[in-house]
Structures are given as C-alpha cells and as structure tokens.
N, C-alpha and C. Protein backbone atom coordinates (compact mmCIF):
# COMPACT_ATOMS: atom_id res chain seq x y z
N UNK A 1 -11.92 57.91 24.33
CA UNK A 1 -11.12 57.29 23.29
C UNK A 1 -10.45 56.02 23.79
N UNK A 2 -9.94 56.07 25.01
CA UNK A 2 -9.26 54.92 25.59
C UNK A 2 -10.25 53.78 25.84
N UNK A 3 -11.48 54.08 26.19
CA UNK A 3 -12.50 53.06 26.42
C UNK A 3 -12.84 52.35 25.11
N UNK A 4 -12.91 53.11 24.03
CA UNK A 4 -13.20 52.53 22.72
C UNK A 4 -12.07 51.60 22.30
N UNK A 5 -10.83 52.03 22.54
CA UNK A 5 -9.69 51.18 22.21
C UNK A 5 -9.70 49.90 23.05
N UNK A 6 -10.02 50.01 24.32
CA UNK A 6 -10.09 48.84 25.20
C UNK A 6 -11.17 47.88 24.73
N UNK A 7 -12.33 48.42 24.38
CA UNK A 7 -13.41 47.56 23.87
C UNK A 7 -13.00 46.86 22.57
N UNK A 8 -12.31 47.61 21.72
CA UNK A 8 -11.87 47.05 20.45
C UNK A 8 -10.87 45.91 20.68
N UNK A 9 -9.96 46.10 21.61
CA UNK A 9 -8.97 45.06 21.94
C UNK A 9 -9.66 43.84 22.52
N UNK A 10 -10.62 44.05 23.44
CA UNK A 10 -11.36 42.92 24.02
C UNK A 10 -12.15 42.17 22.95
N UNK A 11 -12.73 42.91 22.06
CA UNK A 11 -13.51 42.29 20.97
C UNK A 11 -12.58 41.44 20.09
N UNK A 12 -11.44 41.97 19.79
CA UNK A 12 -10.45 41.25 18.97
C UNK A 12 -9.99 39.98 19.68
N UNK A 13 -9.75 40.07 20.98
CA UNK A 13 -9.33 38.91 21.76
C UNK A 13 -10.42 37.83 21.79
N UNK A 14 -11.67 38.25 21.93
CA UNK A 14 -12.78 37.29 21.93
C UNK A 14 -12.90 36.57 20.59
N UNK A 15 -12.73 37.32 19.50
CA UNK A 15 -12.79 36.72 18.17
C UNK A 15 -11.65 35.73 18.00
N UNK A 16 -10.45 36.09 18.41
CA UNK A 16 -9.30 35.19 18.32
C UNK A 16 -9.51 33.94 19.17
N UNK A 17 -10.06 34.12 20.36
CA UNK A 17 -10.33 33.00 21.25
C UNK A 17 -11.36 32.06 20.61
N UNK A 18 -12.40 32.65 20.03
CA UNK A 18 -13.45 31.87 19.37
C UNK A 18 -12.86 31.03 18.24
N UNK A 19 -12.08 31.67 17.36
CA UNK A 19 -11.51 30.94 16.22
C UNK A 19 -10.48 29.90 16.66
N UNK A 20 -9.73 30.17 17.71
CA UNK A 20 -8.78 29.19 18.23
C UNK A 20 -9.53 27.96 18.74
N UNK A 21 -10.60 28.20 19.49
CA UNK A 21 -11.41 27.09 20.00
C UNK A 21 -12.02 26.30 18.85
N UNK A 22 -12.56 27.01 17.85
CA UNK A 22 -13.17 26.36 16.69
C UNK A 22 -12.14 25.52 15.93
N UNK A 23 -10.95 26.06 15.74
CA UNK A 23 -9.88 25.32 15.05
C UNK A 23 -9.52 24.05 15.81
N UNK A 24 -9.29 24.17 17.10
CA UNK A 24 -8.93 22.99 17.90
C UNK A 24 -10.05 21.96 17.91
N UNK A 25 -11.28 22.41 18.01
CA UNK A 25 -12.42 21.50 17.99
C UNK A 25 -12.47 20.72 16.67
N UNK A 26 -12.38 21.44 15.56
CA UNK A 26 -12.43 20.78 14.25
C UNK A 26 -11.23 19.86 14.04
N UNK A 27 -10.07 20.28 14.54
CA UNK A 27 -8.87 19.45 14.40
C UNK A 27 -9.05 18.11 15.11
N UNK A 28 -9.51 18.14 16.34
CA UNK A 28 -9.64 16.90 17.11
C UNK A 28 -10.84 16.06 16.66
N UNK A 29 -11.90 16.69 16.24
CA UNK A 29 -13.07 15.94 15.76
C UNK A 29 -12.77 15.35 14.38
N UNK A 30 -12.09 16.12 13.54
CA UNK A 30 -11.82 15.69 12.17
C UNK A 30 -10.72 14.65 12.07
N UNK A 31 -9.86 14.56 13.04
CA UNK A 31 -8.75 13.62 12.99
C UNK A 31 -9.02 12.51 14.00
N UNK A 32 -9.52 11.40 13.51
CA UNK A 32 -9.80 10.30 14.43
C UNK A 32 -8.58 9.44 14.67
N UNK A 33 -7.46 9.76 14.00
CA UNK A 33 -6.21 9.07 14.25
C UNK A 33 -6.05 7.75 13.52
N UNK A 34 -7.02 7.37 12.73
CA UNK A 34 -6.93 6.09 12.01
C UNK A 34 -6.28 6.32 10.65
N UNK A 35 -5.38 5.42 10.31
CA UNK A 35 -4.71 5.47 9.01
C UNK A 35 -5.42 4.51 8.08
N UNK A 36 -5.74 4.98 6.89
CA UNK A 36 -6.43 4.14 5.91
C UNK A 36 -5.44 3.15 5.31
N UNK A 37 -5.65 1.88 5.60
CA UNK A 37 -4.75 0.84 5.08
C UNK A 37 -5.46 -0.06 4.07
N UNK A 38 -6.54 0.43 3.50
CA UNK A 38 -7.25 -0.36 2.49
C UNK A 38 -6.51 -0.25 1.15
N UNK A 39 -6.72 -1.24 0.30
CA UNK A 39 -6.08 -1.24 -1.03
C UNK A 39 -6.58 -0.05 -1.84
N UNK A 40 -5.70 0.56 -2.57
CA UNK A 40 -6.04 1.71 -3.40
C UNK A 40 -6.13 1.28 -4.87
N UNK A 41 -6.89 2.03 -5.62
CA UNK A 41 -7.00 1.74 -7.05
C UNK A 41 -5.71 2.14 -7.76
N UNK A 42 -5.43 1.42 -8.82
CA UNK A 42 -4.24 1.72 -9.63
C UNK A 42 -4.70 2.41 -10.91
N UNK A 43 -3.97 3.43 -11.29
CA UNK A 43 -4.21 4.11 -12.56
C UNK A 43 -3.37 3.38 -13.62
N UNK A 44 -4.00 2.40 -14.25
CA UNK A 44 -3.28 1.53 -15.19
C UNK A 44 -2.68 2.37 -16.32
N UNK A 45 -1.47 1.98 -16.70
CA UNK A 45 -0.70 2.64 -17.76
C UNK A 45 -0.33 4.08 -17.42
N UNK A 46 -0.48 4.48 -16.15
CA UNK A 46 -0.04 5.81 -15.70
C UNK A 46 0.81 5.70 -14.44
N UNK A 47 0.38 4.84 -13.48
CA UNK A 47 1.19 4.65 -12.27
C UNK A 47 2.45 3.87 -12.63
N UNK A 48 3.51 4.13 -11.87
CA UNK A 48 4.82 3.55 -12.16
C UNK A 48 5.25 2.69 -10.98
N UNK A 49 5.90 1.57 -11.27
CA UNK A 49 6.43 0.68 -10.25
C UNK A 49 7.49 1.43 -9.43
N UNK A 50 7.35 1.36 -8.13
CA UNK A 50 8.25 2.06 -7.21
C UNK A 50 9.71 1.62 -7.39
N UNK A 51 9.92 0.37 -7.73
CA UNK A 51 11.29 -0.16 -7.83
C UNK A 51 11.86 -0.05 -9.24
N UNK A 52 11.18 -0.64 -10.23
CA UNK A 52 11.77 -0.73 -11.57
C UNK A 52 11.34 0.39 -12.51
N UNK A 53 10.38 1.21 -12.06
CA UNK A 53 9.90 2.38 -12.81
C UNK A 53 9.16 2.04 -14.10
N UNK A 54 8.72 0.80 -14.24
CA UNK A 54 7.88 0.43 -15.39
C UNK A 54 6.44 0.85 -15.12
N UNK A 55 5.70 1.14 -16.20
CA UNK A 55 4.28 1.45 -16.05
C UNK A 55 3.53 0.22 -15.57
N UNK A 56 2.56 0.42 -14.70
CA UNK A 56 1.73 -0.69 -14.24
C UNK A 56 0.65 -0.93 -15.27
N UNK A 57 0.76 -2.03 -15.99
CA UNK A 57 -0.22 -2.32 -17.04
C UNK A 57 -0.75 -3.75 -16.97
N UNK A 58 -0.02 -4.64 -16.32
CA UNK A 58 -0.46 -6.04 -16.21
C UNK A 58 -1.32 -6.19 -14.96
N UNK A 59 -2.62 -6.25 -15.18
CA UNK A 59 -3.58 -6.23 -14.07
C UNK A 59 -3.57 -7.47 -13.19
N UNK A 60 -3.05 -8.58 -13.67
CA UNK A 60 -3.08 -9.83 -12.90
C UNK A 60 -1.98 -9.94 -11.85
N UNK A 61 -0.94 -9.13 -11.94
CA UNK A 61 0.22 -9.33 -11.07
C UNK A 61 0.62 -8.10 -10.27
N UNK A 62 -0.17 -7.05 -10.32
CA UNK A 62 0.17 -5.81 -9.61
C UNK A 62 0.17 -6.05 -8.10
N UNK A 63 0.92 -5.21 -7.41
CA UNK A 63 1.00 -5.29 -5.95
C UNK A 63 1.11 -3.87 -5.40
N UNK A 64 0.77 -3.73 -4.15
CA UNK A 64 0.96 -2.45 -3.48
C UNK A 64 1.23 -2.72 -2.01
N UNK A 65 2.03 -1.86 -1.44
CA UNK A 65 2.31 -1.98 -0.02
C UNK A 65 2.02 -0.65 0.64
N UNK A 66 1.52 -0.73 1.87
CA UNK A 66 1.15 0.48 2.60
C UNK A 66 1.96 0.54 3.89
N UNK A 67 2.58 1.70 4.11
CA UNK A 67 3.31 1.92 5.36
C UNK A 67 2.26 2.08 6.46
N UNK A 68 2.23 1.19 7.44
CA UNK A 68 1.20 1.25 8.47
C UNK A 68 1.34 2.44 9.43
N UNK A 69 2.48 3.10 9.39
CA UNK A 69 2.72 4.23 10.28
C UNK A 69 2.17 5.55 9.75
N UNK A 70 2.15 5.69 8.41
CA UNK A 70 1.68 6.95 7.85
C UNK A 70 0.67 6.79 6.71
N UNK A 71 0.40 5.55 6.29
CA UNK A 71 -0.60 5.30 5.25
C UNK A 71 -0.10 5.51 3.83
N UNK A 72 1.18 5.81 3.65
CA UNK A 72 1.72 6.03 2.29
C UNK A 72 1.67 4.73 1.49
N UNK A 73 1.22 4.85 0.24
CA UNK A 73 1.05 3.69 -0.64
C UNK A 73 2.18 3.65 -1.67
N UNK A 74 2.72 2.47 -1.88
CA UNK A 74 3.76 2.23 -2.88
C UNK A 74 3.24 1.16 -3.82
N UNK A 75 3.31 1.41 -5.12
CA UNK A 75 2.72 0.50 -6.12
C UNK A 75 3.82 -0.20 -6.91
N UNK A 76 3.54 -1.46 -7.29
CA UNK A 76 4.53 -2.30 -7.95
C UNK A 76 3.88 -3.12 -9.06
N UNK A 77 4.69 -3.52 -10.04
CA UNK A 77 4.16 -4.33 -11.14
C UNK A 77 4.27 -5.83 -10.90
N UNK A 78 4.97 -6.24 -9.86
CA UNK A 78 5.23 -7.67 -9.62
C UNK A 78 5.58 -7.82 -8.14
N UNK A 79 5.19 -8.91 -7.51
CA UNK A 79 5.51 -9.15 -6.10
C UNK A 79 7.03 -9.18 -5.88
N UNK A 80 7.77 -9.60 -6.89
CA UNK A 80 9.23 -9.61 -6.78
C UNK A 80 9.80 -8.22 -6.56
N UNK A 81 9.21 -7.22 -7.21
CA UNK A 81 9.68 -5.84 -7.02
C UNK A 81 9.41 -5.37 -5.60
N UNK A 82 8.30 -5.78 -5.00
CA UNK A 82 8.00 -5.42 -3.61
C UNK A 82 9.09 -5.96 -2.70
N UNK A 83 9.36 -7.24 -2.83
CA UNK A 83 10.31 -7.92 -1.95
C UNK A 83 11.72 -7.33 -2.08
N UNK A 84 12.16 -7.11 -3.31
CA UNK A 84 13.50 -6.54 -3.51
C UNK A 84 13.56 -5.07 -3.09
N UNK A 85 12.47 -4.33 -3.27
CA UNK A 85 12.42 -2.94 -2.84
C UNK A 85 12.58 -2.85 -1.32
N UNK A 86 11.91 -3.75 -0.58
CA UNK A 86 12.08 -3.78 0.88
C UNK A 86 13.56 -3.92 1.24
N UNK A 87 14.24 -4.84 0.55
CA UNK A 87 15.65 -5.10 0.85
C UNK A 87 16.54 -3.94 0.40
N UNK A 88 16.38 -3.50 -0.83
CA UNK A 88 17.26 -2.46 -1.39
C UNK A 88 17.11 -1.11 -0.69
N UNK A 89 15.90 -0.80 -0.26
CA UNK A 89 15.65 0.48 0.41
C UNK A 89 15.78 0.38 1.93
N UNK A 90 16.11 -0.82 2.40
CA UNK A 90 16.27 -1.07 3.83
C UNK A 90 15.05 -0.56 4.62
N UNK A 91 13.88 -1.03 4.20
CA UNK A 91 12.61 -0.61 4.79
C UNK A 91 12.48 -1.22 6.19
N UNK A 92 12.48 -0.38 7.19
CA UNK A 92 12.45 -0.85 8.58
C UNK A 92 11.09 -1.39 8.99
N UNK A 93 10.02 -0.98 8.31
CA UNK A 93 8.66 -1.42 8.65
C UNK A 93 8.21 -2.59 7.77
N UNK A 94 9.14 -3.28 7.14
CA UNK A 94 8.84 -4.38 6.22
C UNK A 94 7.92 -5.43 6.83
N UNK A 95 8.19 -5.84 8.05
CA UNK A 95 7.40 -6.90 8.68
C UNK A 95 6.00 -6.43 9.09
N UNK A 96 5.82 -5.13 9.20
CA UNK A 96 4.51 -4.57 9.55
C UNK A 96 3.73 -4.11 8.32
N UNK A 97 4.39 -4.06 7.18
CA UNK A 97 3.78 -3.53 5.96
C UNK A 97 2.51 -4.30 5.58
N UNK A 98 1.55 -3.57 5.08
CA UNK A 98 0.35 -4.19 4.53
C UNK A 98 0.64 -4.37 3.05
N UNK A 99 0.62 -5.61 2.59
CA UNK A 99 0.94 -5.90 1.19
C UNK A 99 -0.30 -6.50 0.53
N UNK A 100 -0.77 -5.83 -0.52
CA UNK A 100 -1.89 -6.34 -1.31
C UNK A 100 -1.37 -6.75 -2.68
N UNK A 101 -1.94 -7.83 -3.18
CA UNK A 101 -1.64 -8.30 -4.54
C UNK A 101 -2.95 -8.60 -5.24
N UNK A 102 -2.91 -8.60 -6.55
CA UNK A 102 -4.10 -8.93 -7.32
C UNK A 102 -4.30 -10.45 -7.33
N UNK A 103 -5.51 -10.87 -7.03
CA UNK A 103 -5.89 -12.27 -7.15
C UNK A 103 -6.05 -12.55 -8.63
N UNK A 104 -5.23 -13.43 -9.17
CA UNK A 104 -5.25 -13.69 -10.60
C UNK A 104 -6.59 -14.27 -11.07
N UNK A 105 -7.34 -14.87 -10.15
CA UNK A 105 -8.62 -15.49 -10.52
C UNK A 105 -9.79 -14.51 -10.51
N UNK A 106 -9.81 -13.59 -9.54
CA UNK A 106 -10.96 -12.68 -9.40
C UNK A 106 -10.63 -11.25 -9.76
N UNK A 107 -9.35 -10.89 -9.75
CA UNK A 107 -8.95 -9.51 -10.03
C UNK A 107 -9.05 -8.60 -8.82
N UNK A 108 -9.49 -9.14 -7.68
CA UNK A 108 -9.59 -8.35 -6.47
C UNK A 108 -8.27 -8.28 -5.72
N UNK A 109 -8.19 -7.36 -4.78
CA UNK A 109 -6.99 -7.24 -3.95
C UNK A 109 -7.08 -8.22 -2.78
N UNK A 110 -5.99 -8.93 -2.53
CA UNK A 110 -5.92 -9.86 -1.40
C UNK A 110 -4.61 -9.63 -0.64
N UNK A 111 -4.59 -10.08 0.60
CA UNK A 111 -3.40 -9.97 1.45
C UNK A 111 -2.33 -10.91 0.92
N UNK A 112 -1.18 -10.38 0.58
CA UNK A 112 -0.09 -11.18 0.00
C UNK A 112 0.39 -12.27 0.94
N UNK A 113 0.38 -11.99 2.23
CA UNK A 113 0.89 -12.97 3.20
C UNK A 113 -0.09 -14.12 3.43
N UNK A 114 -1.35 -13.91 3.11
CA UNK A 114 -2.36 -14.97 3.27
C UNK A 114 -2.69 -15.67 1.95
N UNK A 115 -2.18 -15.15 0.86
CA UNK A 115 -2.48 -15.71 -0.46
C UNK A 115 -1.82 -17.07 -0.64
N UNK A 116 -2.39 -17.83 -1.55
CA UNK A 116 -1.78 -19.08 -2.01
C UNK A 116 -1.09 -18.72 -3.32
N UNK A 117 0.17 -19.03 -3.41
CA UNK A 117 0.96 -18.63 -4.57
C UNK A 117 1.24 -19.82 -5.47
N UNK A 118 1.15 -19.58 -6.78
CA UNK A 118 1.54 -20.61 -7.75
C UNK A 118 2.74 -20.08 -8.52
N UNK A 119 3.62 -20.99 -8.91
CA UNK A 119 4.78 -20.57 -9.70
C UNK A 119 4.55 -20.94 -11.17
N UNK A 120 5.53 -20.71 -11.99
CA UNK A 120 5.47 -20.95 -13.42
C UNK A 120 4.38 -20.13 -14.11
N UNK A 121 4.32 -18.86 -13.79
CA UNK A 121 3.41 -17.92 -14.45
C UNK A 121 4.25 -16.90 -15.21
N UNK A 122 3.70 -16.33 -16.25
CA UNK A 122 4.38 -15.29 -17.03
C UNK A 122 4.06 -13.94 -16.38
N UNK A 123 4.96 -13.44 -15.55
CA UNK A 123 4.74 -12.19 -14.82
C UNK A 123 5.60 -11.06 -15.41
N UNK A 124 5.25 -9.80 -15.13
CA UNK A 124 5.97 -8.67 -15.74
C UNK A 124 7.48 -8.69 -15.55
N UNK A 125 7.95 -9.09 -14.39
CA UNK A 125 9.39 -9.09 -14.13
C UNK A 125 9.96 -10.51 -14.09
N UNK A 126 9.18 -11.47 -14.54
CA UNK A 126 9.60 -12.87 -14.69
C UNK A 126 9.95 -13.57 -13.38
N UNK A 127 9.35 -13.13 -12.27
CA UNK A 127 9.54 -13.88 -11.03
C UNK A 127 8.64 -15.11 -11.03
N UNK A 128 7.55 -15.05 -11.78
CA UNK A 128 6.73 -16.23 -12.02
C UNK A 128 5.66 -16.55 -11.00
N UNK A 129 5.44 -15.69 -10.01
CA UNK A 129 4.47 -15.99 -8.96
C UNK A 129 3.15 -15.26 -9.17
N UNK A 130 2.06 -16.02 -9.02
CA UNK A 130 0.71 -15.45 -9.09
C UNK A 130 -0.02 -15.76 -7.79
N UNK A 131 -0.81 -14.81 -7.32
CA UNK A 131 -1.55 -14.95 -6.07
C UNK A 131 -2.96 -15.45 -6.31
N UNK A 132 -3.41 -16.32 -5.39
CA UNK A 132 -4.76 -16.88 -5.46
C UNK A 132 -5.39 -16.79 -4.07
N UNK A 133 -6.69 -16.57 -4.03
CA UNK A 133 -7.36 -16.53 -2.74
C UNK A 133 -7.78 -17.92 -2.27
N UNK A 134 -7.88 -18.86 -3.21
CA UNK A 134 -8.23 -20.24 -2.81
C UNK A 134 -7.60 -21.24 -3.78
N UNK A 135 -7.38 -22.45 -3.28
CA UNK A 135 -6.76 -23.51 -4.09
C UNK A 135 -7.66 -24.01 -5.20
N UNK A 136 -8.96 -23.94 -4.99
CA UNK A 136 -9.92 -24.52 -5.93
C UNK A 136 -9.84 -23.91 -7.32
N UNK A 137 -9.45 -22.67 -7.43
CA UNK A 137 -9.46 -21.99 -8.72
C UNK A 137 -8.14 -22.10 -9.49
N UNK A 138 -7.14 -22.71 -8.88
CA UNK A 138 -5.82 -22.77 -9.51
C UNK A 138 -5.79 -23.86 -10.59
N UNK A 139 -5.37 -23.45 -11.77
CA UNK A 139 -5.22 -24.40 -12.87
C UNK A 139 -3.84 -25.05 -12.73
N UNK A 140 -3.85 -26.29 -12.35
CA UNK A 140 -2.58 -26.98 -12.10
C UNK A 140 -2.01 -27.56 -13.39
N UNK A 141 -0.71 -27.41 -13.53
CA UNK A 141 0.05 -28.06 -14.59
C UNK A 141 1.13 -28.87 -13.89
N UNK A 142 1.68 -29.89 -14.54
CA UNK A 142 2.63 -30.78 -13.85
C UNK A 142 3.79 -30.08 -13.14
N UNK A 143 4.35 -29.03 -13.75
CA UNK A 143 5.52 -28.40 -13.12
C UNK A 143 5.17 -27.29 -12.14
N UNK A 144 3.91 -26.99 -11.95
CA UNK A 144 3.49 -25.90 -11.06
C UNK A 144 3.46 -26.36 -9.61
N UNK A 145 3.96 -25.48 -8.73
CA UNK A 145 3.96 -25.73 -7.29
C UNK A 145 3.12 -24.66 -6.59
N UNK A 146 2.55 -25.03 -5.47
CA UNK A 146 1.84 -24.06 -4.63
C UNK A 146 2.71 -23.78 -3.41
N UNK A 147 2.89 -22.49 -3.14
CA UNK A 147 3.76 -22.09 -2.03
C UNK A 147 3.10 -20.97 -1.24
N UNK A 148 3.69 -20.66 -0.08
CA UNK A 148 3.19 -19.54 0.72
C UNK A 148 4.11 -18.33 0.50
N UNK A 149 3.76 -17.21 1.14
CA UNK A 149 4.50 -15.97 0.94
C UNK A 149 5.97 -16.10 1.31
N UNK A 150 6.27 -16.82 2.38
CA UNK A 150 7.68 -16.93 2.80
C UNK A 150 8.52 -17.62 1.72
N UNK A 151 7.95 -18.59 1.02
CA UNK A 151 8.68 -19.26 -0.07
C UNK A 151 8.84 -18.33 -1.28
N UNK A 152 7.83 -17.51 -1.53
CA UNK A 152 7.94 -16.52 -2.61
C UNK A 152 9.08 -15.56 -2.29
N UNK A 153 9.08 -15.06 -1.07
CA UNK A 153 10.12 -14.13 -0.63
C UNK A 153 11.51 -14.77 -0.74
N UNK A 154 11.64 -15.98 -0.27
CA UNK A 154 12.92 -16.70 -0.32
C UNK A 154 13.40 -16.86 -1.76
N UNK A 155 12.50 -17.24 -2.65
CA UNK A 155 12.85 -17.45 -4.06
C UNK A 155 13.27 -16.15 -4.75
N UNK A 156 12.53 -15.08 -4.48
CA UNK A 156 12.86 -13.78 -5.10
C UNK A 156 14.22 -13.29 -4.60
N UNK A 157 14.46 -13.37 -3.31
CA UNK A 157 15.73 -12.91 -2.75
C UNK A 157 16.89 -13.75 -3.26
N UNK A 158 16.65 -15.03 -3.47
CA UNK A 158 17.69 -15.91 -4.02
C UNK A 158 18.01 -15.52 -5.46
N UNK A 159 16.97 -15.23 -6.25
CA UNK A 159 17.18 -14.80 -7.64
C UNK A 159 17.86 -13.44 -7.67
N UNK A 160 17.43 -12.54 -6.78
CA UNK A 160 18.09 -11.25 -6.57
C UNK A 160 18.24 -10.34 -7.76
N UNK A 161 17.32 -10.34 -8.66
CA UNK A 161 17.46 -9.42 -9.80
C UNK A 161 16.37 -8.37 -9.79
C-alpha cells in the first residue's frame, strides 16, 4: 500500500513539474517583451475623447496617444485635447508619448510631432489645427500659417480651454 502511495505521489510531482515547465516555456516564448505602439482604429461615434468626453465623430482631426511603457491607448477628438490632457493629468511620460493624428489630406495616421500643421481650420474643439504629412497638399489661404508641433502645443496651452 505504501509503495502505491509513493508511486502516486511521484506521478503527481512529475505531472506538476511537466505543467510548470510547459507554463514557463509558453510564458517566455509568448511574451517577446515588445509593446505595440502602432496606431489603433477608432470606433467612430462610439469611442469617447479621453479629456472632454465627446464622441469621436470628426474623422479629419482625431488623435490618439500611446503610453510607451505599457501600450495603453488614449483617444481624442482634437490635438488640443491631447495637449491639455497631458497638462491637466500631469502625465509624466508626455515627452515619450507616441502621438498619432489624422492626416487631413489622406485620412491616415501620422506622427503628430513630425506633421506639418496648418491653422484656421474648423476643428471639433475649435483649436483650429489640422495635420498634414506634406506641404504640397495644403490648401493655402491668406490668413493660414504653417507651424510645427511645438507651436501647436504653445498655442493650445496659451488658449488653455
């Protein structure tokens, strides 16, 4: 009887050892440690702006930022909401954040910090900035200026609404 119990205990230990090894193997193979920082699709008229809580419906001016430390995505209806959200929430990873905005000309996602920005646009929160991937596609009007991301940030923070 004692031999049967010993065999049963050894068998149980071997099974536990096998499953522990299998779990650790799958954990390390399955987790390559890379965080997905690619732009995510927006569920138009269902997703809500992280800052102002409006539905995201204006496809030309949407923005999203990704926390590079954990991959969490935050969606916004206007670049102004992104900038003010960073300030109001005291986001410590602001300078490392991956910020995507919609290219008003192509509808694709582009890097907000590398975009060419035009002012005097009708945007959801009236900050007036639209992102472009190249200067050639921008329809210029006399009062329109082209600026970089730092000027957009400065203008939004100055307006502060």
